[in-house]
mmCIF file of all heavy atoms, coordinates in Angstrom:
data_MODEL
# 
_entry.id   MODEL 
# 
loop_
_atom_site.group_PDB 
_atom_site.id 
_atom_site.type_symbol 
_atom_site.label_atom_id 
_atom_site.label_alt_id 
_atom_site.label_comp_id 
_atom_site.label_asym_id 
_atom_site.label_entity_id 
_atom_site.label_seq_id 
_atom_site.pdbx_PDB_ins_code 
_atom_site.Cartn_x 
_atom_site.Cartn_y 
_atom_site.Cartn_z 
_atom_site.occupancy 
_atom_site.B_iso_or_equiv 
_atom_site.pdbx_formal_charge 
_atom_site.auth_seq_id 
_atom_site.auth_comp_id 
_atom_site.auth_asym_id 
_atom_site.auth_atom_id 
_atom_site.pdbx_PDB_model_num 
ATOM 1   N N   . ARG A 1 1  ? -4.062  -181.335 257.852 1.00 0.00 ? 1  ARG A N   1 
ATOM 2   C CA  . ARG A 1 1  ? -2.663  -181.235 257.584 1.00 0.00 ? 1  ARG A CA  1 
ATOM 3   C C   . ARG A 1 1  ? -2.335  -179.756 258.005 1.00 0.00 ? 1  ARG A C   1 
ATOM 4   O O   . ARG A 1 1  ? -2.831  -178.797 257.448 1.00 0.00 ? 1  ARG A O   1 
ATOM 5   C CB  . ARG A 1 1  ? -2.258  -181.472 256.225 1.00 0.00 ? 1  ARG A CB  1 
ATOM 6   C CG  . ARG A 1 1  ? -0.818  -181.347 255.833 1.00 0.00 ? 1  ARG A CG  1 
ATOM 7   C CD  . ARG A 1 1  ? -0.553  -181.399 254.440 1.00 0.00 ? 1  ARG A CD  1 
ATOM 8   N NE  . ARG A 1 1  ? -0.911  -182.673 253.818 1.00 0.00 ? 1  ARG A NE  1 
ATOM 9   C CZ  . ARG A 1 1  ? -1.938  -182.740 252.870 1.00 0.00 ? 1  ARG A CZ  1 
ATOM 10  N NH1 . ARG A 1 1  ? -2.604  -181.671 252.528 1.00 0.00 ? 1  ARG A NH1 1 
ATOM 11  N NH2 . ARG A 1 1  ? -2.255  -183.922 252.413 1.00 0.00 ? 1  ARG A NH2 1 
ATOM 12  N N   . VAL A 1 2  ? -1.476  -179.585 259.050 1.00 0.00 ? 2  VAL A N   1 
ATOM 13  C CA  . VAL A 1 2  ? -1.194  -178.192 259.524 1.00 0.00 ? 2  VAL A CA  1 
ATOM 14  C C   . VAL A 1 2  ? 0.287   -178.025 259.762 1.00 0.00 ? 2  VAL A C   1 
ATOM 15  O O   . VAL A 1 2  ? 1.026   -178.975 260.063 1.00 0.00 ? 2  VAL A O   1 
ATOM 16  C CB  . VAL A 1 2  ? -1.949  -177.837 260.856 1.00 0.00 ? 2  VAL A CB  1 
ATOM 17  C CG1 . VAL A 1 2  ? -3.449  -177.851 260.639 1.00 0.00 ? 2  VAL A CG1 1 
ATOM 18  C CG2 . VAL A 1 2  ? -1.641  -178.957 261.931 1.00 0.00 ? 2  VAL A CG2 1 
ATOM 19  N N   . ILE A 1 3  ? 0.724   -176.706 259.721 1.00 0.00 ? 3  ILE A N   1 
ATOM 20  C CA  . ILE A 1 3  ? 2.082   -176.394 260.085 1.00 0.00 ? 3  ILE A CA  1 
ATOM 21  C C   . ILE A 1 3  ? 1.963   -175.653 261.389 1.00 0.00 ? 3  ILE A C   1 
ATOM 22  O O   . ILE A 1 3  ? 1.244   -174.679 261.560 1.00 0.00 ? 3  ILE A O   1 
ATOM 23  C CB  . ILE A 1 3  ? 2.692   -175.549 259.034 1.00 0.00 ? 3  ILE A CB  1 
ATOM 24  C CG1 . ILE A 1 3  ? 4.128   -175.047 259.483 1.00 0.00 ? 3  ILE A CG1 1 
ATOM 25  C CG2 . ILE A 1 3  ? 1.860   -174.393 258.511 1.00 0.00 ? 3  ILE A CG2 1 
ATOM 26  C CD1 . ILE A 1 3  ? 4.930   -174.349 258.482 1.00 0.00 ? 3  ILE A CD1 1 
ATOM 27  N N   . LYS A 1 4  ? 2.658   -176.216 262.428 1.00 0.00 ? 4  LYS A N   1 
ATOM 28  C CA  . LYS A 1 4  ? 2.568   -175.570 263.752 1.00 0.00 ? 4  LYS A CA  1 
ATOM 29  C C   . LYS A 1 4  ? 3.887   -175.687 264.457 1.00 0.00 ? 4  LYS A C   1 
ATOM 30  O O   . LYS A 1 4  ? 4.789   -176.608 264.139 1.00 0.00 ? 4  LYS A O   1 
ATOM 31  C CB  . LYS A 1 4  ? 1.496   -176.340 264.609 1.00 0.00 ? 4  LYS A CB  1 
ATOM 32  C CG  . LYS A 1 4  ? 0.097   -176.178 264.182 1.00 0.00 ? 4  LYS A CG  1 
ATOM 33  C CD  . LYS A 1 4  ? -0.364  -174.680 264.250 1.00 0.00 ? 4  LYS A CD  1 
ATOM 34  C CE  . LYS A 1 4  ? -1.767  -174.505 263.622 1.00 0.00 ? 4  LYS A CE  1 
ATOM 35  N NZ  . LYS A 1 4  ? -2.199  -173.114 263.604 1.00 0.00 ? 4  LYS A NZ  1 
ATOM 36  N N   . ARG A 1 5  ? 4.101   -174.846 265.507 1.00 0.00 ? 5  ARG A N   1 
ATOM 37  C CA  . ARG A 1 5  ? 5.230   -174.972 266.345 1.00 0.00 ? 5  ARG A CA  1 
ATOM 38  C C   . ARG A 1 5  ? 4.868   -175.949 267.556 1.00 0.00 ? 5  ARG A C   1 
ATOM 39  O O   . ARG A 1 5  ? 3.883   -175.667 268.265 1.00 0.00 ? 5  ARG A O   1 
ATOM 40  C CB  . ARG A 1 5  ? 5.605   -173.609 266.877 1.00 0.00 ? 5  ARG A CB  1 
ATOM 41  C CG  . ARG A 1 5  ? 6.970   -173.582 267.684 1.00 0.00 ? 5  ARG A CG  1 
ATOM 42  C CD  . ARG A 1 5  ? 7.523   -172.194 267.692 1.00 0.00 ? 5  ARG A CD  1 
ATOM 43  N NE  . ARG A 1 5  ? 7.942   -171.806 266.343 1.00 0.00 ? 5  ARG A NE  1 
ATOM 44  C CZ  . ARG A 1 5  ? 8.398   -170.558 266.021 1.00 0.00 ? 5  ARG A CZ  1 
ATOM 45  N NH1 . ARG A 1 5  ? 8.350   -169.587 266.911 1.00 0.00 ? 5  ARG A NH1 1 
ATOM 46  N NH2 . ARG A 1 5  ? 8.577   -170.227 264.728 1.00 0.00 ? 5  ARG A NH2 1 
ATOM 47  N N   . LEU A 1 6  ? 5.601   -176.963 267.663 1.00 0.00 ? 6  LEU A N   1 
ATOM 48  C CA  . LEU A 1 6  ? 5.271   -178.008 268.719 1.00 0.00 ? 6  LEU A CA  1 
ATOM 49  C C   . LEU A 1 6  ? 5.900   -177.717 270.005 1.00 0.00 ? 6  LEU A C   1 
ATOM 50  O O   . LEU A 1 6  ? 7.061   -177.316 270.140 1.00 0.00 ? 6  LEU A O   1 
ATOM 51  C CB  . LEU A 1 6  ? 5.686   -179.364 268.177 1.00 0.00 ? 6  LEU A CB  1 
ATOM 52  C CG  . LEU A 1 6  ? 5.006   -180.001 267.018 1.00 0.00 ? 6  LEU A CG  1 
ATOM 53  C CD1 . LEU A 1 6  ? 5.444   -181.444 266.817 1.00 0.00 ? 6  LEU A CD1 1 
ATOM 54  C CD2 . LEU A 1 6  ? 3.455   -179.802 267.050 1.00 0.00 ? 6  LEU A CD2 1 
ATOM 55  N N   . GLN A 1 7  ? 5.054   -177.788 271.117 1.00 0.00 ? 7  GLN A N   1 
ATOM 56  C CA  . GLN A 1 7  ? 5.492   -177.567 272.438 1.00 0.00 ? 7  GLN A CA  1 
ATOM 57  C C   . GLN A 1 7  ? 5.041   -178.833 273.241 1.00 0.00 ? 7  GLN A C   1 
ATOM 58  O O   . GLN A 1 7  ? 4.177   -179.574 272.785 1.00 0.00 ? 7  GLN A O   1 
ATOM 59  C CB  . GLN A 1 7  ? 4.820   -176.327 273.010 1.00 0.00 ? 7  GLN A CB  1 
ATOM 60  C CG  . GLN A 1 7  ? 5.319   -175.078 272.303 1.00 0.00 ? 7  GLN A CG  1 
ATOM 61  C CD  . GLN A 1 7  ? 6.765   -174.723 272.534 1.00 0.00 ? 7  GLN A CD  1 
ATOM 62  O OE1 . GLN A 1 7  ? 7.479   -175.370 273.236 1.00 0.00 ? 7  GLN A OE1 1 
ATOM 63  N NE2 . GLN A 1 7  ? 7.208   -173.655 271.900 1.00 0.00 ? 7  GLN A NE2 1 
ATOM 64  N N   . ARG A 1 8  ? 5.618   -179.015 274.447 1.00 0.00 ? 8  ARG A N   1 
ATOM 65  C CA  . ARG A 1 8  ? 5.180   -180.012 275.251 1.00 0.00 ? 8  ARG A CA  1 
ATOM 66  C C   . ARG A 1 8  ? 3.775   -179.841 275.814 1.00 0.00 ? 8  ARG A C   1 
ATOM 67  O O   . ARG A 1 8  ? 3.400   -178.686 276.243 1.00 0.00 ? 8  ARG A O   1 
ATOM 68  C CB  . ARG A 1 8  ? 6.174   -180.189 276.543 1.00 0.00 ? 8  ARG A CB  1 
ATOM 69  C CG  . ARG A 1 8  ? 6.092   -181.499 277.301 1.00 0.00 ? 8  ARG A CG  1 
ATOM 70  C CD  . ARG A 1 8  ? 7.112   -181.533 278.326 1.00 0.00 ? 8  ARG A CD  1 
ATOM 71  N NE  . ARG A 1 8  ? 8.409   -181.236 277.920 1.00 0.00 ? 8  ARG A NE  1 
ATOM 72  C CZ  . ARG A 1 8  ? 9.326   -182.087 277.446 1.00 0.00 ? 8  ARG A CZ  1 
ATOM 73  N NH1 . ARG A 1 8  ? 8.908   -183.396 277.408 1.00 0.00 ? 8  ARG A NH1 1 
ATOM 74  N NH2 . ARG A 1 8  ? 10.437  -181.726 277.087 1.00 0.00 ? 8  ARG A NH2 1 
ATOM 75  N N   . SER A 1 9  ? 2.871   -180.854 275.854 1.00 0.00 ? 9  SER A N   1 
ATOM 76  C CA  . SER A 1 9  ? 1.592   -180.710 276.288 1.00 0.00 ? 9  SER A CA  1 
ATOM 77  C C   . SER A 1 9  ? 1.395   -181.242 277.624 1.00 0.00 ? 9  SER A C   1 
ATOM 78  O O   . SER A 1 9  ? 2.146   -182.115 278.170 1.00 0.00 ? 9  SER A O   1 
ATOM 79  C CB  . SER A 1 9  ? 0.574   -181.512 275.357 1.00 0.00 ? 9  SER A CB  1 
ATOM 80  O OG  . SER A 1 9  ? -0.722  -181.528 275.855 1.00 0.00 ? 9  SER A OG  1 
ATOM 81  N N   . ASP A 1 10 ? 0.445   -180.718 278.421 1.00 0.00 ? 10 ASP A N   1 
ATOM 82  C CA  . ASP A 1 10 ? 0.131   -181.210 279.728 1.00 0.00 ? 10 ASP A CA  1 
ATOM 83  C C   . ASP A 1 10 ? -0.695  -182.470 279.655 1.00 0.00 ? 10 ASP A C   1 
ATOM 84  O O   . ASP A 1 10 ? -0.788  -183.173 280.636 1.00 0.00 ? 10 ASP A O   1 
ATOM 85  C CB  . ASP A 1 10 ? -0.734  -180.117 280.470 1.00 0.00 ? 10 ASP A CB  1 
ATOM 86  C CG  . ASP A 1 10 ? 0.106   -178.858 280.823 1.00 0.00 ? 10 ASP A CG  1 
ATOM 87  O OD1 . ASP A 1 10 ? 1.312   -178.915 280.939 1.00 0.00 ? 10 ASP A OD1 1 
ATOM 88  O OD2 . ASP A 1 10 ? -0.504  -177.791 280.923 1.00 0.00 ? 10 ASP A OD2 1 
ATOM 89  N N   . MET A 1 11 ? -1.246  -182.756 278.504 1.00 0.00 ? 11 MET A N   1 
ATOM 90  C CA  . MET A 1 11 ? -2.027  -183.972 278.273 1.00 0.00 ? 11 MET A CA  1 
ATOM 91  C C   . MET A 1 11 ? -1.041  -185.122 277.873 1.00 0.00 ? 11 MET A C   1 
ATOM 92  O O   . MET A 1 11 ? -0.256  -184.986 276.924 1.00 0.00 ? 11 MET A O   1 
ATOM 93  C CB  . MET A 1 11 ? -3.088  -183.821 277.235 1.00 0.00 ? 11 MET A CB  1 
ATOM 94  C CG  . MET A 1 11 ? -4.133  -182.751 277.640 1.00 0.00 ? 11 MET A CG  1 
ATOM 95  S SD  . MET A 1 11 ? -5.443  -182.605 276.335 1.00 0.00 ? 11 MET A SD  1 
ATOM 96  C CE  . MET A 1 11 ? -6.081  -184.389 276.346 1.00 0.00 ? 11 MET A CE  1 
ATOM 97  N N   . LYS A 1 12 ? -1.165  -186.231 278.446 1.00 0.00 ? 12 LYS A N   1 
ATOM 98  C CA  . LYS A 1 12 ? -0.261  -187.433 278.202 1.00 0.00 ? 12 LYS A CA  1 
ATOM 99  C C   . LYS A 1 12 ? -0.559  -187.890 276.746 1.00 0.00 ? 12 LYS A C   1 
ATOM 100 O O   . LYS A 1 12 ? -1.727  -187.992 276.350 1.00 0.00 ? 12 LYS A O   1 
ATOM 101 C CB  . LYS A 1 12 ? -0.653  -188.515 279.160 1.00 0.00 ? 12 LYS A CB  1 
ATOM 102 C CG  . LYS A 1 12 ? 0.364   -189.697 278.991 1.00 0.00 ? 12 LYS A CG  1 
ATOM 103 C CD  . LYS A 1 12 ? 0.089   -190.751 280.143 1.00 0.00 ? 12 LYS A CD  1 
ATOM 104 C CE  . LYS A 1 12 ? 0.995   -191.921 279.992 1.00 0.00 ? 12 LYS A CE  1 
ATOM 105 N NZ  . LYS A 1 12 ? 0.759   -192.940 280.948 1.00 0.00 ? 12 LYS A NZ  1 
ATOM 106 N N   . GLY A 1 13 ? 0.519   -188.182 276.021 1.00 0.00 ? 13 GLY A N   1 
ATOM 107 C CA  . GLY A 1 13 ? 0.434   -188.708 274.722 1.00 0.00 ? 13 GLY A CA  1 
ATOM 108 C C   . GLY A 1 13 ? -0.033  -187.672 273.702 1.00 0.00 ? 13 GLY A C   1 
ATOM 109 O O   . GLY A 1 13 ? -0.386  -188.065 272.538 1.00 0.00 ? 13 GLY A O   1 
ATOM 110 N N   . CYS A 1 14 ? 0.213   -186.381 274.029 1.00 0.00 ? 14 CYS A N   1 
ATOM 111 C CA  . CYS A 1 14 ? -0.141  -185.332 273.013 1.00 0.00 ? 14 CYS A CA  1 
ATOM 112 C C   . CYS A 1 14 ? 0.948   -184.347 272.869 1.00 0.00 ? 14 CYS A C   1 
ATOM 113 O O   . CYS A 1 14 ? 1.871   -184.190 273.720 1.00 0.00 ? 14 CYS A O   1 
ATOM 114 C CB  . CYS A 1 14 ? -1.378  -184.504 273.590 1.00 0.00 ? 14 CYS A CB  1 
ATOM 115 S SG  . CYS A 1 14 ? -2.938  -185.506 273.528 1.00 0.00 ? 14 CYS A SG  1 
ATOM 116 N N   . TRP A 1 15 ? 0.898   -183.583 271.766 1.00 0.00 ? 15 TRP A N   1 
ATOM 117 C CA  . TRP A 1 15 ? 1.700   -182.347 271.597 1.00 0.00 ? 15 TRP A CA  1 
ATOM 118 C C   . TRP A 1 15 ? 0.819   -181.216 271.653 1.00 0.00 ? 15 TRP A C   1 
ATOM 119 O O   . TRP A 1 15 ? -0.366  -181.295 271.310 1.00 0.00 ? 15 TRP A O   1 
ATOM 120 C CB  . TRP A 1 15 ? 2.351   -182.476 270.196 1.00 0.00 ? 15 TRP A CB  1 
ATOM 121 C CG  . TRP A 1 15 ? 3.483   -183.522 270.098 1.00 0.00 ? 15 TRP A CG  1 
ATOM 122 C CD1 . TRP A 1 15 ? 4.415   -183.866 270.946 1.00 0.00 ? 15 TRP A CD1 1 
ATOM 123 C CD2 . TRP A 1 15 ? 3.711   -184.302 268.888 1.00 0.00 ? 15 TRP A CD2 1 
ATOM 124 N NE1 . TRP A 1 15 ? 5.190   -184.817 270.457 1.00 0.00 ? 15 TRP A NE1 1 
ATOM 125 C CE2 . TRP A 1 15 ? 4.849   -185.105 269.176 1.00 0.00 ? 15 TRP A CE2 1 
ATOM 126 C CE3 . TRP A 1 15 ? 3.097   -184.411 267.611 1.00 0.00 ? 15 TRP A CE3 1 
ATOM 127 C CZ2 . TRP A 1 15 ? 5.246   -186.059 268.247 1.00 0.00 ? 15 TRP A CZ2 1 
ATOM 128 C CZ3 . TRP A 1 15 ? 3.630   -185.348 266.707 1.00 0.00 ? 15 TRP A CZ3 1 
ATOM 129 C CH2 . TRP A 1 15 ? 4.643   -186.109 267.058 1.00 0.00 ? 15 TRP A CH2 1 
ATOM 130 N N   . LEU A 1 16 ? 1.406   -180.088 271.940 1.00 0.00 ? 16 LEU A N   1 
ATOM 131 C CA  . LEU A 1 16 ? 0.659   -178.864 271.999 1.00 0.00 ? 16 LEU A CA  1 
ATOM 132 C C   . LEU A 1 16 ? 1.016   -178.081 270.624 1.00 0.00 ? 16 LEU A C   1 
ATOM 133 O O   . LEU A 1 16 ? 2.186   -177.782 270.447 1.00 0.00 ? 16 LEU A O   1 
ATOM 134 C CB  . LEU A 1 16 ? 1.000   -177.928 273.173 1.00 0.00 ? 16 LEU A CB  1 
ATOM 135 C CG  . LEU A 1 16 ? 0.187   -176.665 273.280 1.00 0.00 ? 16 LEU A CG  1 
ATOM 136 C CD1 . LEU A 1 16 ? -1.345  -177.018 273.452 1.00 0.00 ? 16 LEU A CD1 1 
ATOM 137 C CD2 . LEU A 1 16 ? 0.737   -175.899 274.447 1.00 0.00 ? 16 LEU A CD2 1 
ATOM 138 N N   . ALA A 1 17 ? 0.102   -177.981 269.750 1.00 0.00 ? 17 ALA A N   1 
ATOM 139 C CA  . ALA A 1 17 ? 0.340   -177.322 268.413 1.00 0.00 ? 17 ALA A CA  1 
ATOM 140 C C   . ALA A 1 17 ? 0.072   -175.916 268.516 1.00 0.00 ? 17 ALA A C   1 
ATOM 141 O O   . ALA A 1 17 ? -1.099  -175.422 268.778 1.00 0.00 ? 17 ALA A O   1 
ATOM 142 C CB  . ALA A 1 17 ? -0.578  -177.993 267.358 1.00 0.00 ? 17 ALA A CB  1 
ATOM 143 N N   . CYS A 1 18 ? 1.049   -175.028 268.369 1.00 0.00 ? 18 CYS A N   1 
ATOM 144 C CA  . CYS A 1 18 ? 0.993   -173.633 268.565 1.00 0.00 ? 18 CYS A CA  1 
ATOM 145 C C   . CYS A 1 18 ? 1.230   -172.858 267.293 1.00 0.00 ? 18 CYS A C   1 
ATOM 146 O O   . CYS A 1 18 ? 1.934   -173.269 266.479 1.00 0.00 ? 18 CYS A O   1 
ATOM 147 C CB  . CYS A 1 18 ? 2.053   -173.138 269.655 1.00 0.00 ? 18 CYS A CB  1 
ATOM 148 S SG  . CYS A 1 18 ? 1.923   -174.029 271.221 1.00 0.00 ? 18 CYS A SG  1 
ATOM 149 N N   . SER A 1 19 ? 0.533   -171.709 267.240 1.00 0.00 ? 19 SER A N   1 
ATOM 150 C CA  . SER A 1 19 ? 0.753   -170.647 266.175 1.00 0.00 ? 19 SER A CA  1 
ATOM 151 C C   . SER A 1 19 ? 1.720   -169.600 266.607 1.00 0.00 ? 19 SER A C   1 
ATOM 152 O O   . SER A 1 19 ? 1.844   -169.462 267.857 1.00 0.00 ? 19 SER A O   1 
ATOM 153 C CB  . SER A 1 19 ? -0.687  -170.050 265.822 1.00 0.00 ? 19 SER A CB  1 
ATOM 154 O OG  . SER A 1 19 ? -1.633  -171.171 265.381 1.00 0.00 ? 19 SER A OG  1 
ATOM 155 N N   . VAL A 1 20 ? 2.189   -168.923 265.653 1.00 0.00 ? 20 VAL A N   1 
ATOM 156 C CA  . VAL A 1 20 ? 3.109   -167.815 266.022 1.00 0.00 ? 20 VAL A CA  1 
ATOM 157 C C   . VAL A 1 20 ? 2.443   -166.531 265.924 1.00 0.00 ? 20 VAL A C   1 
ATOM 158 O O   . VAL A 1 20 ? 2.811   -165.449 266.418 1.00 0.00 ? 20 VAL A O   1 
ATOM 159 C CB  . VAL A 1 20 ? 4.361   -167.847 265.180 1.00 0.00 ? 20 VAL A CB  1 
ATOM 160 C CG1 . VAL A 1 20 ? 5.200   -169.076 265.467 1.00 0.00 ? 20 VAL A CG1 1 
ATOM 161 C CG2 . VAL A 1 20 ? 4.166   -167.677 263.718 1.00 0.00 ? 20 VAL A CG2 1 
ATOM 162 N N   . ASN A 1 21 ? 1.246   -166.502 265.180 1.00 0.00 ? 21 ASN A N   1 
ATOM 163 C CA  . ASN A 1 21 ? 0.427   -165.168 264.952 1.00 0.00 ? 21 ASN A CA  1 
ATOM 164 C C   . ASN A 1 21 ? -0.219  -164.927 266.313 1.00 0.00 ? 21 ASN A C   1 
ATOM 165 O O   . ASN A 1 21 ? -1.034  -165.654 266.815 1.00 0.00 ? 21 ASN A O   1 
ATOM 166 C CB  . ASN A 1 21 ? -0.539  -165.447 263.893 1.00 0.00 ? 21 ASN A CB  1 
ATOM 167 C CG  . ASN A 1 21 ? -1.257  -164.120 263.453 1.00 0.00 ? 21 ASN A CG  1 
ATOM 168 O OD1 . ASN A 1 21 ? -1.368  -163.292 264.268 1.00 0.00 ? 21 ASN A OD1 1 
ATOM 169 N ND2 . ASN A 1 21 ? -1.597  -164.034 262.111 1.00 0.00 ? 21 ASN A ND2 1 
ATOM 170 N N   . GLU A 1 22 ? 0.037   -163.723 266.810 1.00 0.00 ? 22 GLU A N   1 
ATOM 171 C CA  . GLU A 1 22 ? -0.440  -163.289 268.125 1.00 0.00 ? 22 GLU A CA  1 
ATOM 172 C C   . GLU A 1 22 ? -1.623  -162.381 267.988 1.00 0.00 ? 22 GLU A C   1 
ATOM 173 O O   . GLU A 1 22 ? -1.979  -161.713 268.962 1.00 0.00 ? 22 GLU A O   1 
ATOM 174 C CB  . GLU A 1 22 ? 0.676   -162.736 268.995 1.00 0.00 ? 22 GLU A CB  1 
ATOM 175 C CG  . GLU A 1 22 ? 1.778   -163.655 269.276 1.00 0.00 ? 22 GLU A CG  1 
ATOM 176 C CD  . GLU A 1 22 ? 2.878   -163.143 270.149 1.00 0.00 ? 22 GLU A CD  1 
ATOM 177 O OE1 . GLU A 1 22 ? 2.866   -161.840 270.376 1.00 0.00 ? 22 GLU A OE1 1 
ATOM 178 O OE2 . GLU A 1 22 ? 3.701   -163.838 270.553 1.00 0.00 ? 22 GLU A OE2 1 
ATOM 179 N N   . ASP A 1 23 ? -2.298  -162.270 266.851 1.00 0.00 ? 23 ASP A N   1 
ATOM 180 C CA  . ASP A 1 23 ? -3.433  -161.456 266.737 1.00 0.00 ? 23 ASP A CA  1 
ATOM 181 C C   . ASP A 1 23 ? -4.559  -161.847 267.679 1.00 0.00 ? 23 ASP A C   1 
ATOM 182 O O   . ASP A 1 23 ? -4.726  -163.114 267.849 1.00 0.00 ? 23 ASP A O   1 
ATOM 183 C CB  . ASP A 1 23 ? -3.945  -161.492 265.243 1.00 0.00 ? 23 ASP A CB  1 
ATOM 184 C CG  . ASP A 1 23 ? -3.001  -160.720 264.318 1.00 0.00 ? 23 ASP A CG  1 
ATOM 185 O OD1 . ASP A 1 23 ? -2.153  -160.051 264.802 1.00 0.00 ? 23 ASP A OD1 1 
ATOM 186 O OD2 . ASP A 1 23 ? -3.188  -160.951 263.063 1.00 0.00 ? 23 ASP A OD2 1 
ATOM 187 N N   . THR A 1 24 ? -5.362  -160.916 268.098 1.00 0.00 ? 24 THR A N   1 
ATOM 188 C CA  . THR A 1 24 ? -6.461  -161.248 269.000 1.00 0.00 ? 24 THR A CA  1 
ATOM 189 C C   . THR A 1 24 ? -7.753  -160.646 268.514 1.00 0.00 ? 24 THR A C   1 
ATOM 190 O O   . THR A 1 24 ? -7.741  -159.798 267.565 1.00 0.00 ? 24 THR A O   1 
ATOM 191 C CB  . THR A 1 24 ? -6.145  -160.606 270.461 1.00 0.00 ? 24 THR A CB  1 
ATOM 192 O OG1 . THR A 1 24 ? -5.994  -159.189 270.316 1.00 0.00 ? 24 THR A OG1 1 
ATOM 193 C CG2 . THR A 1 24 ? -4.929  -161.248 271.093 1.00 0.00 ? 24 THR A CG2 1 
ATOM 194 N N   . TRP A 1 25 ? -8.857  -161.187 269.042 1.00 0.00 ? 25 TRP A N   1 
ATOM 195 C CA  . TRP A 1 25 ? -10.130 -160.708 268.645 1.00 0.00 ? 25 TRP A CA  1 
ATOM 196 C C   . TRP A 1 25 ? -10.274 -159.259 269.218 1.00 0.00 ? 25 TRP A C   1 
ATOM 197 O O   . TRP A 1 25 ? -10.006 -159.043 270.374 1.00 0.00 ? 25 TRP A O   1 
ATOM 198 C CB  . TRP A 1 25 ? -11.195 -161.574 269.176 1.00 0.00 ? 25 TRP A CB  1 
ATOM 199 C CG  . TRP A 1 25 ? -11.190 -162.982 268.582 1.00 0.00 ? 25 TRP A CG  1 
ATOM 200 C CD1 . TRP A 1 25 ? -10.719 -164.099 269.063 1.00 0.00 ? 25 TRP A CD1 1 
ATOM 201 C CD2 . TRP A 1 25 ? -11.572 -163.398 267.292 1.00 0.00 ? 25 TRP A CD2 1 
ATOM 202 N NE1 . TRP A 1 25 ? -10.919 -165.174 268.250 1.00 0.00 ? 25 TRP A NE1 1 
ATOM 203 C CE2 . TRP A 1 25 ? -11.427 -164.763 267.074 1.00 0.00 ? 25 TRP A CE2 1 
ATOM 204 C CE3 . TRP A 1 25 ? -12.296 -162.614 266.141 1.00 0.00 ? 25 TRP A CE3 1 
ATOM 205 C CZ2 . TRP A 1 25 ? -11.798 -165.469 265.907 1.00 0.00 ? 25 TRP A CZ2 1 
ATOM 206 C CZ3 . TRP A 1 25 ? -12.600 -163.375 265.016 1.00 0.00 ? 25 TRP A CZ3 1 
ATOM 207 C CH2 . TRP A 1 25 ? -12.334 -164.746 264.928 1.00 0.00 ? 25 TRP A CH2 1 
ATOM 208 N N   . GLU A 1 26 ? -10.774 -158.407 268.363 1.00 0.00 ? 26 GLU A N   1 
ATOM 209 C CA  . GLU A 1 26 ? -10.922 -156.989 268.921 1.00 0.00 ? 26 GLU A CA  1 
ATOM 210 C C   . GLU A 1 26 ? -12.291 -156.711 269.581 1.00 0.00 ? 26 GLU A C   1 
ATOM 211 O O   . GLU A 1 26 ? -12.384 -155.826 270.435 1.00 0.00 ? 26 GLU A O   1 
ATOM 212 C CB  . GLU A 1 26 ? -10.717 -156.031 267.728 1.00 0.00 ? 26 GLU A CB  1 
ATOM 213 C CG  . GLU A 1 26 ? -9.315  -156.055 267.129 1.00 0.00 ? 26 GLU A CG  1 
ATOM 214 C CD  . GLU A 1 26 ? -9.058  -155.075 265.988 1.00 0.00 ? 26 GLU A CD  1 
ATOM 215 O OE1 . GLU A 1 26 ? -10.076 -154.306 265.671 1.00 0.00 ? 26 GLU A OE1 1 
ATOM 216 O OE2 . GLU A 1 26 ? -8.036  -155.031 265.456 1.00 0.00 ? 26 GLU A OE2 1 
ATOM 217 N N   . LYS A 1 27 ? -13.334 -157.420 269.115 1.00 0.00 ? 27 LYS A N   1 
ATOM 218 C CA  . LYS A 1 27 ? -14.701 -157.147 269.565 1.00 0.00 ? 27 LYS A CA  1 
ATOM 219 C C   . LYS A 1 27 ? -15.415 -158.446 269.935 1.00 0.00 ? 27 LYS A C   1 
ATOM 220 O O   . LYS A 1 27 ? -14.964 -159.538 269.659 1.00 0.00 ? 27 LYS A O   1 
ATOM 221 C CB  . LYS A 1 27 ? -15.467 -156.368 268.503 1.00 0.00 ? 27 LYS A CB  1 
ATOM 222 C CG  . LYS A 1 27 ? -14.948 -155.035 268.047 1.00 0.00 ? 27 LYS A CG  1 
ATOM 223 C CD  . LYS A 1 27 ? -15.725 -154.386 267.026 1.00 0.00 ? 27 LYS A CD  1 
ATOM 224 C CE  . LYS A 1 27 ? -15.216 -153.029 266.540 1.00 0.00 ? 27 LYS A CE  1 
ATOM 225 N NZ  . LYS A 1 27 ? -16.030 -152.469 265.467 1.00 0.00 ? 27 LYS A NZ  1 
# 
């Protein structure tokens, strides 16, 4: 069970579930 921002997916029959946190791995 997740909370995500939904975007259109390139895969048929799917949604692209996106996060808003833009933190990246540092090392």
